């Protein structure tokens, strides 16, 4: 029963992270059109919206952090695993756990400082030193939100890992923290319908 609850919660979190990614992609597409129009106006009419470069920087920073949660849940973050592959499975599993602990600790520190910075800007009413005079708490708050969401996603992976270990699925648990094989991921999308029809489960899925 607990395993099902954990899996359902993990799935809900992943769907939410996917929605954030789609929203970020839409924001980047909109900004690409705005930048194009801005460039054309400057070239042919010597006109400018003003502040487009500043807004673009905010959007890029915010969308980057809001995409972190899905990358963590899908193991899409880059890891250099050249030396890791030379060790036996037990050592690799230990290295994966150490990697997760280090990753989560660093993200926790960054998220903590980001939240503190956004809160301080909110209290002081800090504005940018640009013609737009933007309230810095808004982009900083959204930036901090993405970092906090990434931390939650990382902790969710740990909860799922513990659930798999308790269920005796140590191989699936080890695979959950191991670096993702990009080729294997692409092939899994192609073979997903066949796997579903035969009743097989994805790596890390709990029954």
Protein backbone atom coordinates (compact mmCIF):
# COMPACT_ATOMS: atom_id res chain seq x y z
CA UNK A 1 0.00 0.00 0.00
CA UNK A 2 2.80 2.39 0.92
CA UNK A 3 4.62 1.53 -2.29
CA UNK A 4 1.57 2.48 -4.35
CA UNK A 5 1.22 5.78 -2.50
CA UNK A 6 4.89 6.60 -3.07
CA UNK A 7 4.65 5.73 -6.76
CA UNK A 8 1.48 7.80 -7.18
CA UNK A 9 3.08 10.78 -5.45
CA UNK A 10 6.21 10.46 -7.57
CA UNK A 11 4.09 10.33 -10.71
CA UNK A 12 2.14 13.42 -9.69
CA UNK A 13 5.38 15.29 -9.06
CA UNK A 14 6.72 14.26 -12.45
CA UNK A 15 3.55 15.46 -14.20
CA UNK A 16 3.84 18.80 -12.42
CA UNK A 17 7.50 19.07 -13.45
CA UNK A 18 6.54 18.30 -17.04
CA UNK A 19 3.94 21.09 -17.00
CA UNK A 20 6.63 23.50 -15.77
CA UNK A 21 8.89 22.46 -18.64
CA UNK A 22 6.14 23.05 -21.20
CA UNK A 23 5.45 26.47 -19.68
CA UNK A 24 9.15 27.32 -19.80
CA UNK A 25 9.38 26.21 -23.41
CA UNK A 26 6.43 28.44 -24.28
CA UNK A 27 8.06 31.38 -22.52
CA UNK A 28 11.29 30.88 -24.46
CA UNK A 29 9.40 30.70 -27.76
CA UNK A 30 7.57 33.94 -26.94
CA UNK A 31 10.84 35.65 -26.05
CA UNK A 32 12.42 34.48 -29.29
CA UNK A 33 9.66 36.25 -31.24
CA UNK A 34 10.03 39.37 -29.10
CA UNK A 35 13.79 39.44 -29.68
CA UNK A 36 13.27 39.00 -33.42
CA UNK A 37 10.80 41.89 -33.58
CA UNK A 38 13.13 44.00 -31.43
CA UNK A 39 16.04 43.35 -33.79
CA UNK A 40 13.96 44.25 -36.86
CA UNK A 41 12.69 47.44 -35.24
CA UNK A 42 16.21 48.53 -34.38
CA UNK A 43 17.54 47.78 -37.84
CA UNK A 44 14.83 49.29 -40.01
CA UNK A 45 13.00 51.83 -37.81
CA UNK A 46 15.67 52.73 -35.24
CA UNK A 47 13.10 51.95 -32.55
CA UNK A 48 13.22 49.67 -29.51
CA UNK A 49 10.84 48.23 -26.95
CA UNK A 50 13.41 48.89 -24.25
CA UNK A 51 14.50 46.40 -21.61
CA UNK A 52 14.12 43.31 -23.80
CA UNK A 53 17.65 42.16 -22.96
CA UNK A 54 16.89 42.45 -19.23
CA UNK A 55 13.62 40.55 -19.48
CA UNK A 56 15.28 37.89 -21.61
CA UNK A 57 17.94 37.38 -18.94
CA UNK A 58 15.25 36.94 -16.29
CA UNK A 59 13.28 34.49 -18.44
CA UNK A 60 16.37 32.44 -19.23
CA UNK A 61 17.41 32.22 -15.57
CA UNK A 62 13.91 31.29 -14.37
CA UNK A 63 13.18 28.74 -17.10
CA UNK A 64 16.53 27.05 -16.49
CA UNK A 65 15.82 26.39 -12.82
CA UNK A 66 12.17 25.42 -13.44
CA UNK A 67 13.40 22.73 -15.83
CA UNK A 68 15.68 21.18 -13.19
CA UNK A 69 12.97 19.06 -11.46
CA UNK A 70 12.06 17.08 -14.59
CA UNK A 71 15.73 16.62 -15.46
CA UNK A 72 16.33 15.16 -11.99
CA UNK A 73 13.30 12.88 -12.11
CA UNK A 74 14.28 11.56 -15.53
CA UNK A 75 18.00 11.32 -14.67
CA UNK A 76 18.76 13.69 -17.53
CA UNK A 77 21.40 15.65 -15.61
CA UNK A 78 24.93 15.20 -16.96
CA UNK A 79 27.26 12.94 -15.00
CA UNK A 80 30.84 12.04 -15.86
CA UNK A 81 30.90 8.30 -15.25
CA UNK A 82 34.05 7.18 -17.06
CA UNK A 83 35.76 5.87 -13.90
CA UNK A 84 32.48 4.65 -12.40
CA UNK A 85 32.04 2.03 -15.11
CA UNK A 86 35.29 0.28 -14.13
CA UNK A 87 34.03 -0.62 -10.63
CA UNK A 88 31.82 -3.54 -9.59
CA UNK A 89 28.08 -3.05 -9.12
CA UNK A 90 28.27 -2.66 -5.33
CA UNK A 91 30.86 0.12 -5.58
CA UNK A 92 28.91 1.84 -8.36
CA UNK A 93 25.81 1.79 -6.18
CA UNK A 94 27.74 3.43 -3.34
CA UNK A 95 29.10 6.05 -5.70
CA UNK A 96 25.57 6.77 -6.97
CA UNK A 97 24.30 7.28 -3.44
CA UNK A 98 27.25 9.59 -2.67
CA UNK A 99 26.54 11.48 -5.89
CA UNK A 100 22.90 11.95 -4.90
CA UNK A 101 23.82 13.12 -1.38
CA UNK A 102 26.34 15.64 -2.73
CA UNK A 103 23.96 16.85 -5.41
CA UNK A 104 21.07 17.29 -2.98
CA UNK A 105 23.25 19.02 -0.38
CA UNK A 106 24.58 21.55 -2.91
CA UNK A 107 21.11 22.22 -4.30
CA UNK A 108 19.80 22.64 -0.78
CA UNK A 109 22.41 25.30 -0.03
CA UNK A 110 21.75 27.14 -3.28
CA UNK A 111 17.97 27.01 -2.77
CA UNK A 112 18.35 28.30 0.79
CA UNK A 113 20.48 31.26 -0.31
CA UNK A 114 18.19 31.96 -3.27
CA UNK A 115 15.12 32.08 -1.04
CA UNK A 116 16.95 34.39 1.37
CA UNK A 117 17.95 36.69 -1.48
CA UNK A 118 14.41 36.86 -2.88
CA UNK A 119 12.95 37.53 0.58
CA UNK A 120 15.48 40.28 1.25
CA UNK A 121 14.70 41.92 -2.08
CA UNK A 122 10.98 41.73 -1.27
CA UNK A 123 11.41 43.34 2.12
CA UNK A 124 13.62 46.13 0.82
CA UNK A 125 11.64 46.68 -2.38
CA UNK A 126 14.87 46.32 -4.35
CA UNK A 127 14.77 47.34 -7.99
CA UNK A 128 17.17 46.77 -10.86
CA UNK A 129 19.54 49.61 -11.82
CA UNK A 130 18.15 49.64 -15.36
CA UNK A 131 15.59 51.82 -17.16
CA UNK A 132 12.88 49.24 -16.38
CA UNK A 133 13.47 49.51 -12.63
CA UNK A 134 12.15 45.96 -12.23
CA UNK A 135 11.24 44.62 -8.82
CA UNK A 136 14.01 42.07 -8.30
CA UNK A 137 11.92 39.97 -5.93
CA UNK A 138 9.80 38.73 -8.84
CA UNK A 139 12.49 37.08 -11.01
CA UNK A 140 14.50 36.11 -7.95
CA UNK A 141 11.43 34.52 -6.36
CA UNK A 142 10.65 32.48 -9.48
CA UNK A 143 14.32 31.51 -9.71
CA UNK A 144 14.27 30.37 -6.09
CA UNK A 145 11.02 28.47 -6.72
CA UNK A 146 12.72 26.42 -9.41
CA UNK A 147 15.61 25.57 -7.10
CA UNK A 148 13.24 24.54 -4.31
CA UNK A 149 11.27 22.40 -6.78
CA UNK A 150 14.53 20.75 -7.85
CA UNK A 151 15.34 19.99 -4.22
CA UNK A 152 11.88 18.47 -3.71
CA UNK A 153 12.34 16.35 -6.83
CA UNK A 154 15.69 15.09 -5.56
CA UNK A 155 14.17 14.20 -2.18
CA UNK A 156 11.31 12.44 -3.98
CA UNK A 157 13.85 10.26 -5.78
CA UNK A 158 15.33 9.35 -2.37
CA UNK A 159 11.90 8.41 -1.00
CA UNK A 160 11.23 6.25 -4.01
CA UNK A 161 14.68 4.68 -3.68
CA UNK A 162 13.97 3.74 -0.06
CA UNK A 163 10.59 2.32 -1.05
CA UNK A 164 12.17 0.10 -3.68
CA UNK A 165 14.82 -1.14 -1.25
CA UNK A 166 12.15 -1.97 1.34
CA UNK A 167 10.20 -3.84 -1.33
CA UNK A 168 13.29 -5.94 -2.06
CA UNK A 169 13.81 -4.43 -5.52
CA UNK A 170 17.44 -3.56 -5.03
CA UNK A 171 18.29 -3.63 -8.74
CA UNK A 172 15.50 -1.19 -9.57
CA UNK A 173 16.60 0.98 -6.64
CA UNK A 174 20.18 1.03 -7.90
CA UNK A 175 18.99 1.88 -11.41
CA UNK A 176 16.98 4.80 -10.03
CA UNK A 177 20.14 6.60 -8.88
CA UNK A 178 22.43 5.49 -11.67
CA UNK A 179 23.24 7.73 -14.67
CA UNK A 180 20.74 7.39 -17.48
CA UNK A 181 21.91 5.91 -20.76
CA UNK A 182 20.71 8.35 -23.45
CA UNK A 183 20.68 5.68 -26.16
CA UNK A 184 18.75 3.31 -23.91
CA UNK A 185 16.25 6.07 -23.08
CA UNK A 186 15.57 6.81 -26.73
CA UNK A 187 15.12 3.11 -27.51
CA UNK A 188 12.80 2.70 -24.51
CA UNK A 189 10.43 5.33 -25.96
CA UNK A 190 10.25 3.35 -29.19
CA UNK A 191 9.66 0.01 -27.45
CA UNK A 192 7.27 1.43 -24.82
CA UNK A 193 4.04 0.28 -26.56
CA UNK A 194 5.39 -3.26 -26.89
CA UNK A 195 6.48 -3.33 -23.26
CA UNK A 196 3.06 -2.14 -22.13
CA UNK A 197 1.27 -4.81 -24.13
CA UNK A 198 3.39 -7.56 -22.60
CA UNK A 199 2.80 -6.28 -19.08
CA UNK A 200 6.44 -5.45 -18.29
CA UNK A 201 7.32 -2.49 -16.05
CA UNK A 202 9.78 0.34 -16.40
CA UNK A 203 12.90 0.48 -14.26
CA UNK A 204 12.12 1.64 -10.76
CA UNK A 205 8.37 1.07 -10.99
CA UNK A 206 6.84 -0.41 -7.86
CA UNK A 207 3.99 -2.86 -7.96
